[in-house]
Amino acid sequence: MTASFFVPLLALFTLLAVTVMGILGKFEIERKLDDPNDPKSALAKDGPSGA
């Protein structure tokens, strides 16, 4: 068990974690976009500031 074993293993786990977080974030964004009761961002064109 040397570094030549652990470094690729850690790299693969890191890639897997980033991929899972990206997929979960995508679904969270889509859920918020489909929810009419979710408040709009203050920076959004149709947000509460009306800018």
PDB file of N, CA and C in Angstrom:
ATOM      1  N   MET A   1       0.845  -1.185   0.000  1.00  0.00           N
ATOM      2  CA  MET A   1       0.000   0.000   0.000  1.00  0.00           C
ATOM      3  C   MET A   1       0.894   1.254   0.000  1.00  0.00           C
ATOM      4  N   THR A   2       1.161   1.731  -1.169  1.00  0.00           N
ATOM      5  CA  THR A   2       2.023   2.904  -1.292  1.00  0.00           C
ATOM      6  C   THR A   2       1.222   4.062  -1.870  1.00  0.00           C
ATOM      7  N   ALA A   3       1.919   5.154  -2.073  1.00  0.00           N
ATOM      8  CA  ALA A   3       1.274   6.343  -2.624  1.00  0.00           C
ATOM      9  C   ALA A   3       0.765   6.088  -4.035  1.00  0.00           C
ATOM     10  N   SER A   4       1.415   5.188  -4.763  1.00  0.00           N
ATOM     11  CA  SER A   4       0.963   4.897  -6.126  1.00  0.00           C
ATOM     12  C   SER A   4      -0.394   4.195  -6.133  1.00  0.00           C
ATOM     13  N   PHE A   5      -0.813   3.696  -5.002  1.00  0.00           N
ATOM     14  CA  PHE A   5      -2.150   3.107  -4.873  1.00  0.00           C
ATOM     15  C   PHE A   5      -3.153   4.136  -4.365  1.00  0.00           C
ATOM     16  N   PHE A   6      -2.748   4.934  -3.372  1.00  0.00           N
ATOM     17  CA  PHE A   6      -3.682   5.849  -2.723  1.00  0.00           C
ATOM     18  C   PHE A   6      -3.994   7.096  -3.544  1.00  0.00           C
ATOM     19  N   VAL A   7      -3.041   7.621  -4.274  1.00  0.00           N
ATOM     20  CA  VAL A   7      -3.264   8.857  -5.033  1.00  0.00           C
ATOM     21  C   VAL A   7      -4.329   8.670  -6.113  1.00  0.00           C
ATOM     22  N   PRO A   8      -4.258   7.639  -6.950  1.00  0.00           N
ATOM     23  CA  PRO A   8      -5.354   7.449  -7.922  1.00  0.00           C
ATOM     24  C   PRO A   8      -6.693   7.150  -7.260  1.00  0.00           C
ATOM     25  N   LEU A   9      -6.655   6.415  -6.142  1.00  0.00           N
ATOM     26  CA  LEU A   9      -7.889   6.111  -5.426  1.00  0.00           C
ATOM     27  C   LEU A   9      -8.537   7.391  -4.893  1.00  0.00           C
ATOM     28  N   LEU A  10      -7.747   8.266  -4.299  1.00  0.00           N
ATOM     29  CA  LEU A  10      -8.277   9.539  -3.810  1.00  0.00           C
ATOM     30  C   LEU A  10      -8.772  10.410  -4.962  1.00  0.00           C
ATOM     31  N   ALA A  11      -8.081  10.383  -6.083  1.00  0.00           N
ATOM     32  CA  ALA A  11      -8.515  11.166  -7.244  1.00  0.00           C
ATOM     33  C   ALA A  11      -9.865  10.675  -7.750  1.00  0.00           C
ATOM     34  N   LEU A  12     -10.046   9.365  -7.812  1.00  0.00           N
ATOM     35  CA  LEU A  12     -11.325   8.820  -8.274  1.00  0.00           C
ATOM     36  C   LEU A  12     -12.457   9.148  -7.309  1.00  0.00           C
ATOM     37  N   PHE A  13     -12.198   9.042  -6.016  1.00  0.00           N
ATOM     38  CA  PHE A  13     -13.226   9.398  -5.036  1.00  0.00           C
ATOM     39  C   PHE A  13     -13.574  10.881  -5.116  1.00  0.00           C
ATOM     40  N   THR A  14     -12.571  11.724  -5.370  1.00  0.00           N
ATOM     41  CA  THR A  14     -12.825  13.157  -5.505  1.00  0.00           C
ATOM     42  C   THR A  14     -13.689  13.439  -6.732  1.00  0.00           C
ATOM     43  N   LEU A  15     -13.363  12.801  -7.846  1.00  0.00           N
ATOM     44  CA  LEU A  15     -14.171  12.979  -9.054  1.00  0.00           C
ATOM     45  C   LEU A  15     -15.597  12.492  -8.841  1.00  0.00           C
ATOM     46  N   LEU A  16     -15.748  11.379  -8.154  1.00  0.00           N
ATOM     47  CA  LEU A  16     -17.078  10.855  -7.861  1.00  0.00           C
ATOM     48  C   LEU A  16     -17.859  11.822  -6.976  1.00  0.00           C
ATOM     49  N   ALA A  17     -17.219  12.367  -5.948  1.00  0.00           N
ATOM     50  CA  ALA A  17     -17.894  13.297  -5.042  1.00  0.00           C
ATOM     51  C   ALA A  17     -18.327  14.562  -5.776  1.00  0.00           C
ATOM     52  N   VAL A  18     -17.470  15.108  -6.627  1.00  0.00           N
ATOM     53  CA  VAL A  18     -17.804  16.324  -7.376  1.00  0.00           C
ATOM     54  C   VAL A  18     -18.948  16.050  -8.346  1.00  0.00           C
ATOM     55  N   THR A  19     -18.941  14.893  -8.979  1.00  0.00           N
ATOM     56  CA  THR A  19     -20.012  14.534  -9.908  1.00  0.00           C
ATOM     57  C   THR A  19     -21.343  14.407  -9.185  1.00  0.00           C
ATOM     58  N   VAL A  20     -21.346  13.741  -8.034  1.00  0.00           N
ATOM     59  CA  VAL A  20     -22.582  13.573  -7.261  1.00  0.00           C
ATOM     60  C   VAL A  20     -23.098  14.925  -6.786  1.00  0.00           C
ATOM     61  N   MET A  21     -22.212  15.796  -6.300  1.00  0.00           N
ATOM     62  CA  MET A  21     -22.652  17.122  -5.850  1.00  0.00           C
ATOM     63  C   MET A  21     -23.210  17.934  -7.014  1.00  0.00           C
ATOM     64  N   GLY A  22     -22.620  17.818  -8.186  1.00  0.00           N
ATOM     65  CA  GLY A  22     -23.131  18.525  -9.358  1.00  0.00           C
ATOM     66  C   GLY A  22     -24.508  18.045  -9.766  1.00  0.00           C
ATOM     67  N   ILE A  23     -24.710  16.741  -9.744  1.00  0.00           N
ATOM     68  CA  ILE A  23     -26.016  16.187 -10.111  1.00  0.00           C
ATOM     69  C   ILE A  23     -27.075  16.595  -9.093  1.00  0.00           C
ATOM     70  N   LEU A  24     -26.736  16.524  -7.804  1.00  0.00           N
ATOM     71  CA  LEU A  24     -27.697  16.928  -6.773  1.00  0.00           C
ATOM     72  C   LEU A  24     -28.019  18.420  -6.875  1.00  0.00           C
ATOM     73  N   GLY A  25     -27.013  19.239  -7.166  1.00  0.00           N
ATOM     74  CA  GLY A  25     -27.238  20.666  -7.339  1.00  0.00           C
ATOM     75  C   GLY A  25     -28.136  20.961  -8.526  1.00  0.00           C
ATOM     76  N   LYS A  26     -27.957  20.209  -9.596  1.00  0.00           N
ATOM     77  CA  LYS A  26     -28.798  20.376 -10.787  1.00  0.00           C
ATOM     78  C   LYS A  26     -30.256  20.098 -10.461  1.00  0.00           C
ATOM     79  N   PHE A  27     -30.512  19.015  -9.735  1.00  0.00           N
ATOM     80  CA  PHE A  27     -31.886  18.685  -9.382  1.00  0.00           C
ATOM     81  C   PHE A  27     -32.484  19.721  -8.426  1.00  0.00           C
ATOM     82  N   GLU A  28     -31.669  20.274  -7.526  1.00  0.00           N
ATOM     83  CA  GLU A  28     -32.153  21.307  -6.604  1.00  0.00           C
ATOM     84  C   GLU A  28     -32.535  22.575  -7.375  1.00  0.00           C
ATOM     85  N   ILE A  29     -31.726  22.964  -8.337  1.00  0.00           N
ATOM     86  CA  ILE A  29     -32.022  24.143  -9.163  1.00  0.00           C
ATOM     87  C   ILE A  29     -33.301  23.923  -9.964  1.00  0.00           C
ATOM     88  N   GLU A  30     -33.440  22.741 -10.568  1.00  0.00           N
ATOM     89  CA  GLU A  30     -34.644  22.461 -11.349  1.00  0.00           C
ATOM     90  C   GLU A  30     -35.891  22.467 -10.469  1.00  0.00           C
ATOM     91  N   ARG A  31     -35.770  21.960  -9.239  1.00  0.00           N
ATOM     92  CA  ARG A  31     -36.910  21.965  -8.320  1.00  0.00           C
ATOM     93  C   ARG A  31     -37.301  23.401  -7.973  1.00  0.00           C
ATOM     94  N   LYS A  32     -36.311  24.246  -7.736  1.00  0.00           N
ATOM     95  CA  LYS A  32     -36.608  25.643  -7.407  1.00  0.00           C
ATOM     96  C   LYS A  32     -37.214  26.384  -8.593  1.00  0.00           C
ATOM     97  N   LEU A  33     -36.752  26.089  -9.802  1.00  0.00           N
ATOM     98  CA  LEU A  33     -37.300  26.759 -10.979  1.00  0.00           C
ATOM     99  C   LEU A  33     -38.756  26.380 -11.214  1.00  0.00           C
ATOM    100  N   ASP A  34     -39.121  25.147 -10.872  1.00  0.00           N
ATOM    101  CA  ASP A  34     -40.489  24.681 -11.088  1.00  0.00           C
ATOM    102  C   ASP A  34     -41.443  25.086  -9.970  1.00  0.00           C
ATOM    103  N   ASP A  35     -40.927  25.586  -8.838  1.00  0.00           N
ATOM    104  CA  ASP A  35     -41.762  25.933  -7.687  1.00  0.00           C
ATOM    105  C   ASP A  35     -42.190  27.398  -7.779  1.00  0.00           C
ATOM    106  N   PRO A  36     -43.484  27.671  -8.007  1.00  0.00           N
ATOM    107  CA  PRO A  36     -43.925  29.065  -8.118  1.00  0.00           C
ATOM    108  C   PRO A  36     -43.892  29.809  -6.779  1.00  0.00           C
ATOM    109  N   ASN A  37     -43.854  29.101  -5.662  1.00  0.00           N
ATOM    110  CA  ASN A  37     -43.844  29.743  -4.347  1.00  0.00           C
ATOM    111  C   ASN A  37     -42.443  30.064  -3.851  1.00  0.00           C
ATOM    112  N   ASP A  38     -41.429  29.603  -4.557  1.00  0.00           N
ATOM    113  CA  ASP A  38     -40.055  29.879  -4.160  1.00  0.00           C
ATOM    114  C   ASP A  38     -39.749  31.343  -4.476  1.00  0.00           C
ATOM    115  N   PRO A  39     -39.225  32.105  -3.510  1.00  0.00           N
ATOM    116  CA  PRO A  39     -38.971  33.532  -3.770  1.00  0.00           C
ATOM    117  C   PRO A  39     -37.887  33.730  -4.828  1.00  0.00           C
ATOM    118  N   LYS A  40     -38.074  34.737  -5.648  1.00  0.00           N
ATOM    119  CA  LYS A  40     -37.102  35.062  -6.691  1.00  0.00           C
ATOM    120  C   LYS A  40     -35.909  35.770  -6.065  1.00  0.00           C
ATOM    121  N   SER A  41     -34.797  35.707  -6.736  1.00  0.00           N
ATOM    122  CA  SER A  41     -33.596  36.387  -6.287  1.00  0.00           C
ATOM    123  C   SER A  41     -33.776  37.897  -6.423  1.00  0.00           C
ATOM    124  N   ALA A  42     -33.145  38.651  -5.538  1.00  0.00           N
ATOM    125  CA  ALA A  42     -33.194  40.110  -5.633  1.00  0.00           C
ATOM    126  C   ALA A  42     -32.480  40.591  -6.896  1.00  0.00           C
ATOM    127  N   LEU A  43     -31.603  39.778  -7.445  1.00  0.00           N
ATOM    128  CA  LEU A  43     -30.883  40.147  -8.659  1.00  0.00           C
ATOM    129  C   LEU A  43     -31.626  39.747  -9.925  1.00  0.00           C
ATOM    130  N   ALA A  44     -32.696  38.972  -9.785  1.00  0.00           N
ATOM    131  CA  ALA A  44     -33.448  38.516 -10.953  1.00  0.00           C
ATOM    132  C   ALA A  44     -34.237  39.666 -11.561  1.00  0.00           C
ATOM    133  N   LYS A  45     -34.442  39.593 -12.873  1.00  0.00           N
ATOM    134  CA  LYS A  45     -35.176  40.636 -13.579  1.00  0.00           C
ATOM    135  C   LYS A  45     -36.604  40.747 -13.056  1.00  0.00           C
ATOM    136  N   ASP A  46     -37.213  39.608 -12.718  1.00  0.00           N
ATOM    137  CA  ASP A  46     -38.575  39.616 -12.187  1.00  0.00           C
ATOM    138  C   ASP A  46     -38.583  39.470 -10.663  1.00  0.00           C
ATOM    139  N   GLY A  47     -37.487  39.841 -10.024  1.00  0.00           N
ATOM    140  CA  GLY A  47     -37.361  39.728  -8.573  1.00  0.00           C
ATOM    141  C   GLY A  47     -38.090  40.836  -7.837  1.00  0.00           C
ATOM    142  N   PRO A  48     -37.977  40.860  -6.512  1.00  0.00           N
ATOM    143  CA  PRO A  48     -38.706  41.829  -5.700  1.00  0.00           C
ATOM    144  C   PRO A  48     -38.269  43.278  -5.910  1.00  0.00           C
ATOM    145  N   SER A  49     -37.043  43.500  -6.402  1.00  0.00           N
ATOM    146  CA  SER A  49     -36.597  44.880  -6.599  1.00  0.00           C
ATOM    147  C   SER A  49     -37.197  45.492  -7.856  1.00  0.00           C
ATOM    148  N   GLY A  50     -37.610  44.643  -8.809  1.00  0.00           N
ATOM    149  CA  GLY A  50     -38.252  45.135 -10.024  1.00  0.00           C
ATOM    150  C   GLY A  50     -37.320  45.838 -10.980  1.00  0.00           C
ATOM    151  N   ALA A  51     -36.039  45.632 -10.845  1.00  0.00           N
ATOM    152  CA  ALA A  51     -35.062  46.308 -11.704  1.00  0.00           C
ATOM    153  C   ALA A  51     -35.046  45.740 -13.089  1.00  0.00           C
TER     154      ALA A  51
END
